Amino acid sequence: MLLTSAAPLCAAYDLAMLDLDGVVYVGDEAVAGAASAVHDAHGAGMRVAFITNNASRPASVVAEHLRELGIEAGTDDVVTSAQAAARLVVERFGVGARVLCLGAEGLRSALEEQGLVPVDSDGEAEVAVSGYGPELRWREIMRAAVRIRDGLPWVASNADHTIPTPYGVAPGHGVLVDMVQRFTGVTPDVAGKPARPLLDETVRRVGGRRPLMVGDRLDTDIEGAHNAGVDSLLVLTGVTGLVELVAARPGERPSYVAPDLSGLTAPHPAPQRVDDDTWRLGGWSARVVDGRLEVERTAADATAADWWRVVAVAGWDHRDRTGAVPDVPRVPGTDAAAR
């Protein structure tokens, strides 16, 4: 169930680890209000890190893009799955290890940053590291796959099956990981979410004793927070909608829910059970009747944030008690109605 924070999250936690696509920007455009939310969190003394499973771009390029969108970000504030993968290699093979680099410039530069030596698919290597690289050639993939099958250790930056592009959702690095895994019978060590190395690397680089993961995806951002043992905030500006939220498994459920990043600077009350079937928060009550989630507005000043929280908890409670995911409503008068 959701947690309660009487203080704004920027006071309760000292580091916000923000996923990028769907949280800070969508495509080439900043999410509405993201820049001001980051500014306000900074002003309250909260560290803000920007983390991404995409291993193709160096952190400096990502930071420059964020600044172009009006978002305060330095290179040291950005942590990529390529950097987390490089850390795994250093911990296992040491500085100076030769690495078969199957990816783009972001992966190569992350390896070099850690004192590793990237080589091509034919070079002598102690380990292979793969990441999203739209310019990769089939020959490179084949050669790397054969070497992994023959015993070369393998680290994958991430296993995301999709990636957003200007021309739509496209196959991500996870598709290549699946293919190589089927051919080789080898499961790679994965650095990106939902595995925990990326979050651990972020805390190591940016600092913070009370980190909070902020994301829009249940199966990477929120599950990754569970795996790393940190609390999480789900924002509804990306891929997760009402159907996905209500159906979330326990390991995919966030600690807090907010419509957008302004949730960082607000308190977070949690719904309370008022009888066996009914949950209430602010101006909303919710319960499941005959397998359908019903929501009632009980006050004129009811907020969209509280609507999301009460429907999430009522849905999760029903699933936990019955094993069934309830049908969800479309309620006029809330921001959720348009989803």
Protein backbone atom coordinates (compact mmCIF):
# COMPACT_ATOMS: atom_id res chain seq x y z
CA MET A 1 0.00 0.00 0.00
CA LEU A 2 1.01 3.64 -0.34
CA LEU A 3 3.11 5.38 2.28
CA THR A 4 2.22 8.63 4.04
CA SER A 5 4.58 11.60 4.08
CA ALA A 6 3.34 14.56 6.10
CA ALA A 7 6.32 16.57 4.85
CA PRO A 8 6.91 17.31 1.17
CA LEU A 9 8.98 14.56 -0.42
CA CYS A 10 11.81 17.04 -1.06
CA ALA A 11 12.12 17.38 2.72
CA ALA A 12 11.63 13.70 3.54
CA TYR A 13 14.27 12.51 1.02
CA ASP A 14 17.61 14.09 0.11
CA LEU A 15 18.06 12.63 -3.40
CA ALA A 16 15.54 12.29 -6.22
CA MET A 17 16.61 9.89 -8.97
CA LEU A 18 14.55 10.94 -11.97
CA ASP A 19 13.96 8.70 -14.94
CA LEU A 20 14.01 10.79 -18.12
CA ASP A 21 11.57 9.81 -20.85
CA GLY A 22 7.99 10.13 -19.60
CA VAL A 23 9.09 11.92 -16.42
CA VAL A 24 11.29 14.88 -17.42
CA TYR A 25 10.64 14.91 -21.17
CA VAL A 26 8.62 13.12 -23.81
CA GLY A 27 10.52 12.95 -27.08
CA ASP A 28 12.03 16.37 -27.74
CA GLU A 29 9.70 18.28 -25.41
CA ALA A 30 9.92 18.83 -21.67
CA VAL A 31 7.01 17.50 -19.62
CA ALA A 32 4.85 20.44 -18.56
CA GLY A 33 6.02 21.76 -15.20
CA ALA A 34 9.12 19.53 -15.04
CA ALA A 35 11.63 22.40 -15.11
CA SER A 36 9.90 24.29 -12.31
CA ALA A 37 9.53 21.12 -10.23
CA VAL A 38 13.25 20.37 -10.51
CA HIS A 39 14.05 24.01 -9.67
CA ASP A 40 11.80 23.92 -6.59
CA ALA A 41 13.26 20.60 -5.40
CA HIS A 42 16.76 22.04 -5.72
CA GLY A 43 15.64 25.13 -3.83
CA ALA A 44 14.44 22.95 -0.97
CA GLY A 45 17.90 21.40 -0.68
CA MET A 46 17.19 18.14 -2.50
CA ARG A 47 19.81 16.65 -4.80
CA VAL A 48 18.41 15.71 -8.21
CA ALA A 49 19.93 13.07 -10.47
CA PHE A 50 18.79 12.16 -13.96
CA ILE A 51 19.12 8.45 -14.74
CA THR A 52 18.57 6.56 -17.96
CA ASN A 53 18.73 3.00 -19.23
CA ASN A 54 19.72 4.34 -22.65
CA ALA A 55 23.44 3.66 -23.06
CA SER A 56 23.91 5.33 -26.44
CA ARG A 57 24.57 8.94 -25.36
CA PRO A 58 27.33 10.19 -23.04
CA ALA A 59 26.19 11.90 -19.85
CA SER A 60 27.46 15.25 -21.14
CA VAL A 61 25.17 15.05 -24.17
CA VAL A 62 22.17 14.15 -22.02
CA ALA A 63 22.89 17.07 -19.67
CA GLU A 64 23.16 19.49 -22.59
CA HIS A 65 19.79 18.30 -23.92
CA LEU A 66 18.19 18.85 -20.50
CA ARG A 67 19.56 22.39 -20.30
CA GLU A 68 18.15 23.10 -23.77
CA LEU A 69 14.75 22.17 -22.32
CA GLY A 70 15.22 24.65 -19.46
CA ILE A 71 16.04 22.01 -16.84
CA GLU A 72 18.93 22.58 -14.42
CA ALA A 73 21.43 19.75 -15.03
CA GLY A 74 25.18 19.30 -15.07
CA THR A 75 27.09 16.37 -16.49
CA ASP A 76 27.71 15.01 -12.98
CA ASP A 77 23.94 14.97 -12.38
CA VAL A 78 23.37 12.42 -15.18
CA VAL A 79 23.96 8.70 -14.66
CA THR A 80 23.51 6.19 -17.48
CA SER A 81 23.26 2.42 -17.63
CA ALA A 82 26.54 2.48 -19.59
CA GLN A 83 28.27 4.00 -16.54
CA ALA A 84 26.69 1.42 -14.27
CA ALA A 85 27.84 -1.36 -16.63
CA ALA A 86 31.38 0.04 -16.63
CA ARG A 87 31.38 -0.01 -12.82
CA LEU A 88 30.37 -3.70 -12.84
CA VAL A 89 33.27 -4.48 -15.16
CA VAL A 90 35.80 -2.60 -13.04
CA GLU A 91 34.61 -4.34 -9.87
CA ARG A 92 34.99 -7.75 -11.51
CA PHE A 93 37.96 -7.33 -13.86
CA GLY A 94 39.80 -4.26 -12.61
CA VAL A 95 40.97 -1.01 -14.18
CA GLY A 96 42.72 -1.54 -17.51
CA ALA A 97 40.64 -4.55 -18.54
CA ARG A 98 40.07 -4.93 -22.27
CA VAL A 99 36.35 -4.85 -23.10
CA LEU A 100 34.60 -5.94 -26.28
CA CYS A 101 32.35 -2.90 -26.73
CA LEU A 102 29.11 -3.68 -28.56
CA GLY A 103 27.32 -0.34 -28.56
CA ALA A 104 27.45 3.37 -29.31
CA GLU A 105 29.64 6.28 -28.20
CA GLY A 106 27.88 6.56 -24.84
CA LEU A 107 29.01 3.05 -23.92
CA ARG A 108 32.55 3.51 -25.20
CA SER A 109 33.04 6.79 -23.33
CA ALA A 110 31.67 5.28 -20.10
CA LEU A 111 34.16 2.43 -20.33
CA GLU A 112 37.04 4.81 -20.96
CA GLU A 113 35.92 7.03 -18.06
CA GLN A 114 36.50 4.06 -15.72
CA GLY A 115 39.95 3.29 -17.13
CA LEU A 116 38.81 0.36 -19.25
CA VAL A 117 40.03 -0.33 -22.79
CA PRO A 118 37.25 -0.75 -25.39
CA VAL A 119 38.07 -3.02 -28.33
CA ASP A 120 36.10 -4.07 -31.39
CA SER A 121 34.47 -7.46 -31.87
CA ASP A 122 37.71 -9.06 -33.13
CA GLY A 123 40.01 -7.63 -30.45
CA GLU A 124 41.45 -9.47 -27.48
CA ALA A 125 39.06 -8.99 -24.54
CA GLU A 126 38.30 -10.22 -21.03
CA VAL A 127 34.60 -9.35 -21.10
CA ALA A 128 31.91 -8.17 -23.50
CA VAL A 129 29.63 -5.21 -22.72
CA SER A 130 26.59 -4.44 -24.86
CA GLY A 131 24.29 -1.44 -25.11
CA TYR A 132 21.84 0.21 -27.46
CA GLY A 133 23.63 1.21 -30.66
CA PRO A 134 21.55 2.05 -33.75
CA GLU A 135 24.64 1.89 -36.00
CA LEU A 136 25.73 -1.60 -34.95
CA ARG A 137 26.48 -3.94 -37.83
CA TRP A 138 25.23 -7.50 -38.01
CA ARG A 139 28.79 -8.77 -38.36
CA GLU A 140 29.74 -7.19 -35.01
CA ILE A 141 26.74 -8.75 -33.31
CA MET A 142 27.47 -12.18 -34.79
CA ARG A 143 31.13 -12.11 -33.78
CA ALA A 144 30.32 -10.98 -30.24
CA ALA A 145 27.62 -13.64 -29.91
CA VAL A 146 30.01 -16.41 -30.94
CA ARG A 147 32.61 -15.23 -28.43
CA ILE A 148 30.02 -15.05 -25.64
CA ARG A 149 28.86 -18.56 -26.51
CA ASP A 150 32.46 -19.71 -26.32
CA GLY A 151 32.88 -18.35 -22.79
CA LEU A 152 33.49 -14.60 -22.87
CA PRO A 153 31.70 -13.03 -19.85
CA TRP A 154 28.90 -10.63 -20.78
CA VAL A 155 27.45 -7.48 -19.19
CA ALA A 156 24.38 -5.81 -20.73
CA SER A 157 23.65 -2.16 -20.06
CA ASN A 158 19.91 -2.86 -19.97
CA ALA A 159 17.25 -5.26 -21.21
CA ASP A 160 14.53 -2.82 -22.33
CA HIS A 161 12.53 -4.31 -25.19
CA THR A 162 11.37 -0.95 -26.52
CA ILE A 163 12.80 2.52 -27.00
CA PRO A 164 10.97 5.73 -27.96
CA THR A 165 12.04 7.27 -31.28
CA PRO A 166 10.79 10.19 -33.42
CA TYR A 167 9.08 7.61 -35.65
CA GLY A 168 7.40 5.67 -32.85
CA VAL A 169 8.20 2.98 -30.29
CA ALA A 170 10.98 0.79 -31.71
CA PRO A 171 12.89 -2.36 -30.64
CA GLY A 172 15.29 -1.62 -27.81
CA HIS A 173 18.49 -3.23 -26.63
CA GLY A 174 16.52 -5.95 -24.86
CA VAL A 175 15.59 -7.44 -28.24
CA LEU A 176 19.30 -7.91 -29.02
CA VAL A 177 19.86 -9.30 -25.51
CA ASP A 178 17.10 -11.89 -26.03
CA MET A 179 18.50 -12.93 -29.39
CA VAL A 180 22.07 -13.34 -28.14
CA GLN A 181 20.85 -15.08 -25.00
CA ARG A 182 18.87 -17.64 -27.04
CA PHE A 183 21.88 -18.28 -29.29
CA THR A 184 24.45 -18.55 -26.53
CA GLY A 185 22.48 -19.93 -23.60
CA VAL A 186 24.17 -17.21 -21.51
CA THR A 187 22.31 -14.78 -19.26
CA PRO A 188 24.16 -11.46 -18.95
CA ASP A 189 24.69 -9.40 -15.84
CA VAL A 190 22.36 -6.42 -16.38
CA ALA A 191 23.23 -2.94 -15.14
CA GLY A 192 20.07 -0.96 -15.93
CA LYS A 193 16.66 -0.89 -14.28
CA PRO A 194 14.98 -2.95 -12.94
CA ALA A 195 18.32 -4.42 -11.83
CA ARG A 196 19.85 -2.37 -9.03
CA PRO A 197 23.37 -1.41 -10.28
CA LEU A 198 22.16 1.82 -11.97
CA LEU A 199 20.50 3.06 -8.79
CA ASP A 200 23.53 2.08 -6.70
CA GLU A 201 25.82 3.91 -9.13
CA THR A 202 23.62 7.00 -8.93
CA VAL A 203 23.83 7.15 -5.14
CA ARG A 204 27.59 6.57 -5.35
CA ARG A 205 28.09 9.42 -7.83
CA VAL A 206 25.57 12.01 -6.67
CA GLY A 207 25.35 11.28 -2.96
CA GLY A 208 22.36 11.04 -0.68
CA ARG A 209 21.40 8.96 2.35
CA ARG A 210 17.64 8.92 1.72
CA PRO A 211 17.15 8.38 -2.02
CA LEU A 212 13.81 8.35 -3.83
CA MET A 213 13.33 6.79 -7.26
CA VAL A 214 10.94 8.74 -9.52
CA GLY A 215 9.60 7.12 -12.68
CA ASP A 216 6.69 6.49 -14.99
CA ARG A 217 7.16 2.75 -15.64
CA LEU A 218 6.13 0.08 -13.17
CA ASP A 219 8.27 -2.72 -14.64
CA THR A 220 11.55 -0.79 -14.71
CA ASP A 221 11.50 2.32 -12.49
CA ILE A 222 9.28 1.09 -9.67
CA GLU A 223 10.39 -2.54 -9.74
CA GLY A 224 13.97 -1.25 -9.83
CA ALA A 225 13.33 0.75 -6.67
CA HIS A 226 12.02 -2.38 -4.94
CA ASN A 227 15.13 -4.30 -6.03
CA ALA A 228 17.39 -1.54 -4.69
CA GLY A 229 15.47 -1.24 -1.42
CA VAL A 230 14.49 2.41 -1.90
CA ASP A 231 11.14 4.21 -1.89
CA SER A 232 9.58 5.39 -5.14
CA LEU A 233 7.27 7.99 -6.65
CA LEU A 234 5.21 7.11 -9.71
CA VAL A 235 4.24 10.03 -11.96
CA LEU A 236 1.45 9.71 -14.51
CA THR A 237 3.05 11.70 -17.34
CA GLY A 238 4.44 8.67 -19.18
CA VAL A 239 3.39 5.14 -20.05
CA THR A 240 1.49 4.09 -16.92
CA GLY A 241 -2.25 4.71 -16.89
CA LEU A 242 -5.11 3.64 -14.67
CA VAL A 243 -5.37 0.08 -16.02
CA GLU A 244 -1.67 -0.61 -15.46
CA LEU A 245 -1.61 1.04 -12.04
CA VAL A 246 -4.55 -0.90 -10.63
CA ALA A 247 -3.15 -4.19 -11.99
CA ALA A 248 0.34 -3.68 -10.50
CA ARG A 249 1.87 -6.64 -8.71
CA PRO A 250 3.26 -6.01 -5.20
CA GLY A 251 6.82 -5.71 -6.56
CA GLU A 252 5.69 -3.02 -9.02
CA ARG A 253 3.75 -0.82 -6.62
CA PRO A 254 5.15 2.63 -5.83
CA SER A 255 5.48 4.17 -2.39
CA TYR A 256 3.79 7.36 -3.61
CA VAL A 257 1.70 8.45 -6.61
CA ALA A 258 1.38 11.93 -8.14
CA PRO A 259 0.07 13.25 -11.46
CA ASP A 260 3.45 14.84 -12.28
CA LEU A 261 6.79 15.96 -10.83
CA SER A 262 5.13 18.63 -8.70
CA GLY A 263 4.57 15.69 -6.34
CA LEU A 264 8.17 16.16 -5.20
CA THR A 265 7.26 19.37 -3.38
CA ALA A 266 3.97 18.21 -1.83
CA PRO A 267 2.96 16.10 1.18
CA HIS A 268 1.55 12.66 0.38
CA PRO A 269 -1.40 11.46 2.44
CA ALA A 270 -2.35 7.80 2.01
CA PRO A 271 -5.91 6.45 1.70
CA GLN A 272 -7.52 4.98 4.79
CA ARG A 273 -9.81 1.96 4.98
CA VAL A 274 -13.26 2.92 6.31
CA ASP A 275 -14.85 -0.55 6.10
CA ASP A 276 -14.07 -3.96 4.61
CA ASP A 277 -14.38 -2.75 1.02
CA THR A 278 -14.08 1.05 1.03
CA TRP A 279 -11.05 3.32 1.00
CA ARG A 280 -11.18 7.09 1.44
CA LEU A 281 -8.83 10.02 0.88
CA GLY A 282 -9.60 13.73 0.69
CA GLY A 283 -12.75 14.16 -1.36
CA TRP A 284 -12.85 10.62 -2.78
CA SER A 285 -13.91 7.15 -1.72
CA ALA A 286 -13.39 3.95 -3.72
CA ARG A 287 -14.43 0.33 -3.49
CA VAL A 288 -14.83 -2.70 -5.74
CA VAL A 289 -18.38 -3.91 -6.34
CA ASP A 290 -19.04 -7.02 -8.43
CA GLY A 291 -15.53 -6.86 -9.84
CA ARG A 292 -15.71 -3.20 -10.86
CA LEU A 293 -13.90 -0.33 -9.19
CA GLU A 294 -16.36 2.37 -8.16
CA VAL A 295 -15.30 5.89 -7.16
CA GLU A 296 -17.44 8.49 -5.43
CA ARG A 297 -16.68 12.19 -5.08
CA THR A 298 -17.46 13.29 -1.54
CA ALA A 299 -16.20 16.91 -1.49
CA ALA A 300 -16.05 19.79 -3.93
CA ASP A 301 -12.32 20.34 -3.38
CA ALA A 302 -11.35 16.76 -4.27
CA THR A 303 -8.00 16.64 -6.10
CA ALA A 304 -6.77 14.55 -9.03
CA ALA A 305 -3.76 13.42 -6.97
CA ASP A 306 -6.00 11.97 -4.26
CA TRP A 307 -8.18 10.30 -6.95
CA TRP A 308 -5.17 8.39 -8.28
CA ARG A 309 -4.12 7.35 -4.79
CA VAL A 310 -7.50 6.07 -3.66
CA VAL A 311 -8.22 4.08 -6.83
CA ALA A 312 -4.74 2.52 -6.72
CA VAL A 313 -5.10 1.33 -3.13
CA ALA A 314 -8.67 0.09 -3.58
CA GLY A 315 -7.61 -1.85 -6.68
CA TRP A 316 -4.52 -3.36 -5.04
CA ASP A 317 -6.48 -4.37 -1.95
CA HIS A 318 -9.07 -6.16 -4.10
CA ARG A 319 -6.39 -7.96 -6.09
CA ASP A 320 -4.55 -9.05 -2.95
CA ARG A 321 -7.72 -10.39 -1.35
CA THR A 322 -9.30 -12.08 -4.39
CA GLY A 323 -6.51 -12.58 -6.93
CA ALA A 324 -8.55 -10.67 -9.54
CA VAL A 325 -7.80 -7.31 -11.10
CA PRO A 326 -10.93 -5.12 -11.03
CA ASP A 327 -12.41 -3.38 -14.04
CA VAL A 328 -11.65 0.31 -13.85
CA PRO A 329 -13.93 3.35 -14.22
CA ARG A 330 -13.83 6.40 -16.40
CA VAL A 331 -14.84 9.20 -14.07
CA PRO A 332 -15.76 12.64 -15.46
CA GLY A 333 -14.33 15.58 -13.57
CA THR A 334 -10.82 14.28 -12.91
CA ASP A 335 -7.60 14.38 -14.86
CA ALA A 336 -7.78 10.59 -15.03
CA ALA A 337 -10.92 10.72 -17.14
CA ALA A 338 -8.95 11.60 -20.25
CA ARG A 339 -6.57 8.64 -19.97
